Each structure stands twice: as C-alpha cells, then as structure tokens.
Amino acid sequence: MNFVVGLTGGIGSGKSAVAECFAALGAALVDTDVIARQLTVAGGAAIEPIKAAFGLGVLTPEGALDRPAMRQRVFADPAVRARLEAILHPLIRAESERQISRPHVVGVTTACRPASADFPYTVLVVPLLVETGSYRERVDRVMVVDCPEEMQIARVMARNGLSRAEVLAIMAAQSSRAERLAAADDVIINDAGRDKLQTQVAAAHATYLEMSKSSPGQKV
C-alpha cells in the first residue's frame, strides 16, 4: 500500500458520499472525522486531556465530548480552538498513520471482498487538509469535493439543524472555496445527483489505479 489520496472539501460539500463511492470501488478509507469521534467518546483517548484543559462543562453526563458546547466555545474564542486542536491533532495524526499502514474500509459493506484483500490505494479523508499543511506532505494527490456555497449552507442546515449564521461561522473558520480549489490536484463537482457523482469517482478511481502502480512509497 503506497498511494494515498487526500480527500477534502468544505462542510456540506459531500466528502462522505464521495468517500463511500471510492470504497465501493475498492479503495481503503481512513477518515479523520471518524477517528476524532472515536477519540472523544466516553473513555476515548482525548477525553482526559480535554477535561483537564476545559473542565466538565464540555462533557456530556456520560463523559463524552459535548460537541455543541465545545463548538460554541471554539467559535467564540480562537484560543480555545487552538488548545483543542493541540490536543486532538497529534492523536488523530498518529491514529491515521497507523490505519494507513494497515488499511481498511470504514462504514462500507464489503462482504463480497475478503478481509485480507489488498487495497490498491488509500483515501485519507481530512476536512481541514488545506488548513493543516502537514497533511499535504503525507498524500500523493489532493482531491477537493466542491459545490456552490449556497448549496453547502442549505445541506448543513437541513442535515444538522443549524441556523444559517451558525453554518456561515463554521465556513468562515475553514479555508475559502477558492483556497481549496487552488490546492487541488483533482476536483469532483457535487452539485447534482448520485449518478453524476459516481461517474466522476469512477474516472478518478481509474486514474488512481494507474498512478498507484508506480507510486514511489508510502507517505506517513
């Protein structure tokens, strides 16, 4: 396993849908959002450092991270965001590196493929790949999932029950659409139905299969 594609995009762009399409075609998935959730469940590796840094007010009664409470503090104070990232990012990076070295598929049914099957390449899903420069050094290609900003806003409002102002605050904390596109080696436009999405992913998959055959080495 040598070839790694970094998959990113703004909130509501459809990264998860694209990742699932790649997995269905045989790519391995390593999703940093999934890793972050695992780290912040009750008893997760990040819980004690988070409690020490921010107190019990950012935890649920069960001892997991209270995401809405933490989100309010993060967007109200950039210093809080920096402290949280200083806790989470090293843990996420270590776990993602471990998973890349032992690739697998997350959240996709693979009963038709044996657990020992080789994966031709890994899709590393990193929502903040452009913002976190170190990830660029770990991937062979950067793929950006793109859609109009108004579509992003509508999707997140419907999916998460957030207000327009809350969604705009999240988007403001991310790289701009132009910055993501400037960093992209490849772009998938997710502004229509599933068929268009699958067609684009299939074309990218064929390209990555060819590239993976001559990959110089794993970037972890």
Protein backbone atom coordinates (compact mmCIF):
# COMPACT_ATOMS: atom_id res chain seq x y z
CA MET A 1 0.00 0.00 0.00
CA ASN A 2 1.84 3.05 -1.27
CA PHE A 3 -0.55 5.52 -2.87
CA VAL A 4 -2.57 7.93 -0.72
CA VAL A 5 -5.24 10.36 -1.93
CA GLY A 6 -6.13 13.20 0.43
CA LEU A 7 -9.86 13.89 0.15
CA THR A 8 -11.15 17.23 1.43
CA GLY A 9 -13.87 19.80 0.95
CA GLY A 10 -15.89 22.36 2.84
CA ILE A 11 -18.65 21.40 5.24
CA GLY A 12 -21.67 20.13 3.32
CA SER A 13 -19.71 19.52 0.13
CA GLY A 14 -20.33 15.77 0.18
CA LYS A 15 -16.99 14.30 1.25
CA SER A 16 -18.63 11.29 2.90
CA ALA A 17 -20.65 10.44 -0.19
CA VAL A 18 -17.53 10.63 -2.37
CA ALA A 19 -15.54 8.52 0.10
CA GLU A 20 -18.23 5.85 0.07
CA CYS A 21 -18.10 5.75 -3.72
CA PHE A 22 -14.34 5.22 -3.65
CA ALA A 23 -14.70 2.47 -1.05
CA ALA A 24 -17.34 0.72 -3.14
CA LEU A 25 -14.81 0.62 -5.99
CA GLY A 26 -12.16 -0.99 -3.77
CA ALA A 27 -10.19 1.84 -2.17
CA ALA A 28 -9.31 1.77 1.53
CA LEU A 29 -10.69 4.60 3.67
CA VAL A 30 -9.08 6.37 6.59
CA ASP A 31 -11.41 9.11 7.86
CA THR A 32 -10.05 11.63 10.35
CA ASP A 33 -13.59 12.67 11.35
CA VAL A 34 -14.33 9.09 12.35
CA ILE A 35 -11.06 8.97 14.27
CA ALA A 36 -11.90 12.23 16.06
CA ARG A 37 -15.28 10.84 17.13
CA GLN A 38 -13.62 7.69 18.44
CA LEU A 39 -11.15 9.77 20.44
CA THR A 40 -13.93 11.82 22.06
CA VAL A 41 -16.44 9.16 23.10
CA ALA A 42 -16.63 8.37 26.81
CA GLY A 43 -13.30 6.83 27.73
CA GLY A 44 -11.67 7.94 24.47
CA ALA A 45 -8.00 8.88 24.47
CA ALA A 46 -8.74 12.61 24.15
CA ILE A 47 -11.29 12.90 26.96
CA GLU A 48 -8.93 13.29 29.92
CA PRO A 49 -6.77 15.96 28.22
CA ILE A 50 -9.91 17.82 27.12
CA LYS A 51 -11.37 17.68 30.64
CA ALA A 52 -8.09 18.97 32.08
CA ALA A 53 -7.99 21.83 29.59
CA PHE A 54 -11.65 22.91 29.55
CA GLY A 55 -13.41 21.37 32.55
CA LEU A 56 -16.53 19.24 32.88
CA GLY A 57 -18.66 21.83 31.07
CA VAL A 58 -17.66 20.45 27.67
CA LEU A 59 -18.54 16.84 28.54
CA THR A 60 -21.89 15.09 28.48
CA PRO A 61 -23.20 13.38 31.64
CA GLU A 62 -21.93 10.12 30.15
CA GLY A 63 -18.41 11.52 29.85
CA ALA A 64 -18.19 12.04 26.08
CA LEU A 65 -17.35 15.34 24.41
CA ASP A 66 -20.38 17.62 24.27
CA ARG A 67 -19.94 18.72 20.68
CA PRO A 68 -22.47 21.60 20.64
CA ALA A 69 -20.99 23.05 23.84
CA MET A 70 -17.45 22.71 22.53
CA ARG A 71 -18.43 24.17 19.17
CA GLN A 72 -19.84 27.29 20.84
CA ARG A 73 -16.63 27.83 22.78
CA VAL A 74 -14.42 27.18 19.77
CA PHE A 75 -16.18 29.70 17.56
CA ALA A 76 -16.34 32.29 20.33
CA ASP A 77 -12.62 32.18 21.08
CA PRO A 78 -9.80 31.30 18.65
CA ALA A 79 -7.53 30.47 21.60
CA VAL A 80 -9.94 27.72 22.65
CA ARG A 81 -9.87 26.32 19.14
CA ALA A 82 -6.07 26.29 19.18
CA ARG A 83 -5.97 24.47 22.53
CA LEU A 84 -8.46 21.85 21.34
CA GLU A 85 -6.52 21.30 18.12
CA ALA A 86 -3.28 20.95 20.08
CA ILE A 87 -4.90 18.03 21.93
CA LEU A 88 -6.68 16.36 19.03
CA HIS A 89 -4.40 16.79 16.04
CA PRO A 90 -1.41 14.75 17.29
CA LEU A 91 -3.75 11.93 18.35
CA ILE A 92 -5.60 11.99 15.03
CA ARG A 93 -2.37 12.04 13.07
CA ALA A 94 -0.92 9.07 14.97
CA GLU A 95 -4.06 7.00 14.51
CA SER A 96 -4.42 7.90 10.83
CA GLU A 97 -0.82 6.88 10.22
CA ARG A 98 -1.48 3.57 11.95
CA GLN A 99 -4.56 2.98 9.82
CA ILE A 100 -2.80 3.90 6.58
CA SER A 101 -0.16 1.31 7.38
CA ARG A 102 -2.93 -1.24 7.96
CA PRO A 103 -5.61 -0.06 5.51
CA HIS A 104 -9.25 -0.93 5.87
CA VAL A 105 -12.68 0.37 4.98
CA VAL A 106 -14.83 2.35 7.40
CA GLY A 107 -18.62 2.39 7.21
CA VAL A 108 -18.95 0.49 3.94
CA THR A 109 -20.25 -3.04 3.48
CA THR A 110 -17.51 -5.21 1.99
CA ALA A 111 -18.90 -8.71 2.45
CA CYS A 112 -18.02 -9.55 -1.16
CA ARG A 113 -14.31 -8.92 -0.51
CA PRO A 114 -12.21 -10.95 1.95
CA ALA A 115 -10.75 -9.08 4.91
CA SER A 116 -7.26 -9.93 3.70
CA ALA A 117 -7.79 -8.43 0.24
CA ASP A 118 -5.17 -5.91 -0.87
CA PHE A 119 -6.30 -2.33 -1.43
CA PRO A 120 -4.76 -0.55 -4.44
CA TYR A 121 -4.66 2.81 -2.64
CA THR A 122 -5.98 4.67 0.41
CA VAL A 123 -8.35 7.62 0.51
CA LEU A 124 -7.44 9.74 3.55
CA VAL A 125 -10.44 11.94 4.37
CA VAL A 126 -9.29 15.19 6.03
CA PRO A 127 -11.87 18.02 6.25
CA LEU A 128 -9.14 20.53 7.16
CA LEU A 129 -6.43 19.21 4.85
CA VAL A 130 -5.78 22.62 3.28
CA GLU A 131 -5.80 24.36 6.65
CA THR A 132 -3.45 21.77 8.18
CA GLY A 133 -0.44 21.98 5.92
CA SER A 134 1.33 18.90 7.29
CA TYR A 135 -1.22 16.60 5.68
CA ARG A 136 -0.20 17.77 2.19
CA GLU A 137 3.18 16.14 2.72
CA ARG A 138 1.53 12.80 3.50
CA VAL A 139 -0.52 12.36 0.33
CA ASP A 140 0.26 11.79 -3.34
CA ARG A 141 -2.81 13.66 -4.61
CA VAL A 142 -5.25 16.17 -3.15
CA MET A 143 -8.86 15.74 -4.26
CA VAL A 144 -11.32 18.50 -3.43
CA VAL A 145 -15.07 17.94 -3.37
CA ASP A 146 -16.68 21.19 -4.49
CA CYS A 147 -20.16 22.66 -4.77
CA PRO A 148 -21.70 26.15 -4.71
CA GLU A 149 -21.58 27.76 -1.28
CA GLU A 150 -25.34 28.25 -1.10
CA MET A 151 -25.72 24.51 -1.64
CA GLN A 152 -23.30 23.86 1.21
CA ILE A 153 -25.30 26.10 3.53
CA ALA A 154 -28.63 24.50 2.63
CA ARG A 155 -27.27 20.98 3.09
CA VAL A 156 -25.77 21.65 6.50
CA MET A 157 -28.86 23.49 7.75
CA ALA A 158 -31.03 20.54 6.71
CA ARG A 159 -28.63 17.87 7.98
CA ASN A 160 -27.52 19.38 11.29
CA GLY A 161 -30.41 21.64 12.19
CA LEU A 162 -28.10 24.67 12.42
CA SER A 163 -29.05 28.23 11.63
CA ARG A 164 -27.64 29.98 8.60
CA ALA A 165 -25.47 32.14 10.88
CA GLU A 166 -24.03 29.04 12.57
CA VAL A 167 -23.19 27.43 9.24
CA LEU A 168 -21.56 30.63 8.00
CA ALA A 169 -19.45 30.75 11.16
CA ILE A 170 -18.21 27.21 10.52
CA MET A 171 -17.44 28.04 6.89
CA ALA A 172 -15.58 31.20 7.93
CA ALA A 173 -13.26 29.09 10.08
CA GLN A 174 -12.38 26.89 7.10
CA SER A 175 -10.36 27.71 4.02
CA SER A 176 -12.30 29.52 1.34
CA ARG A 177 -13.63 27.71 -1.68
CA ALA A 178 -11.00 29.43 -3.83
CA GLU A 179 -8.19 28.35 -1.49
CA ARG A 180 -9.30 24.72 -1.57
CA LEU A 181 -9.57 24.69 -5.35
CA ALA A 182 -6.13 26.27 -5.65
CA ALA A 183 -4.68 23.42 -3.56
CA ALA A 184 -6.42 20.67 -5.54
CA ASP A 185 -4.81 18.21 -7.90
CA ASP A 186 -8.25 16.83 -8.73
CA VAL A 187 -11.78 18.17 -8.25
CA ILE A 188 -15.15 16.45 -8.02
CA ILE A 189 -18.21 18.68 -8.51
CA ASN A 190 -21.03 17.53 -6.25
CA ASP A 191 -23.89 19.73 -7.40
CA ALA A 192 -26.25 17.15 -8.88
CA GLY A 193 -27.39 13.61 -8.21
CA ARG A 194 -25.63 10.41 -7.22
CA ASP A 195 -25.19 9.26 -10.82
CA LYS A 196 -23.03 12.26 -11.73
CA LEU A 197 -21.03 11.77 -8.56
CA GLN A 198 -20.39 8.09 -9.23
CA THR A 199 -19.32 8.80 -12.81
CA GLN A 200 -16.70 11.30 -11.64
CA VAL A 201 -15.45 8.99 -8.89
CA ALA A 202 -15.16 6.08 -11.31
CA ALA A 203 -13.00 8.18 -13.64
CA ALA A 204 -10.77 9.31 -10.76
CA HIS A 205 -10.54 5.74 -9.47
CA ALA A 206 -9.24 4.53 -12.82
CA THR A 207 -6.60 7.28 -12.79
CA TYR A 208 -5.52 6.48 -9.24
CA LEU A 209 -5.22 2.78 -10.05
CA GLU A 210 -2.71 3.64 -12.76
CA MET A 211 -0.84 6.09 -10.55
CA SER A 212 -0.66 3.62 -7.68
CA LYS A 213 1.24 1.14 -9.84
CA SER A 214 4.23 3.50 -9.97
CA SER A 215 3.91 5.12 -6.54
CA PRO A 216 7.40 5.71 -5.05
CA GLY A 217 6.46 4.92 -1.46
CA GLN A 218 4.09 5.44 1.39
CA LYS A 219 3.83 8.95 2.82
CA VAL A 220 3.37 8.52 6.57
